[in-house]
Amino acid sequence: MSQCFLESPNIPTVEREVSALQNSERDYPIGGTASHRLRVLIIGSRDGVIETIHDLHRRDFAEVGMWSPLLPAPNSGEVMSILTRDRRVGG
């Protein structure tokens, strides 16, 4: 059976997630480094986001557990999940 996200009272807030993303910009500046931090964001209905995460997993894009927990999106009724990974640049 496919893995599903569970509701949790410990889910980070959007503000904490945005703050973490802004801090990662300082830790991984773009330009002149060996790697670049990339973020993939999925926003939509709860079922749509979960389905897309599982579809990307089936295509060997990313493991389900690499995505953030579902977070409330700016638009009412929507959720979002973020995948953060480093991209190697050069040889």
Foldseek 3Di string as FASTA:
>chain_A
DDDAADDDPPADAPVVVVVVVVVVCVVAPPDPDQKHKDKDKDKDARVVQRVVLVVCVVVVNDDSVQKGHWYDDPDPRMTMIMHIDIDGDDD
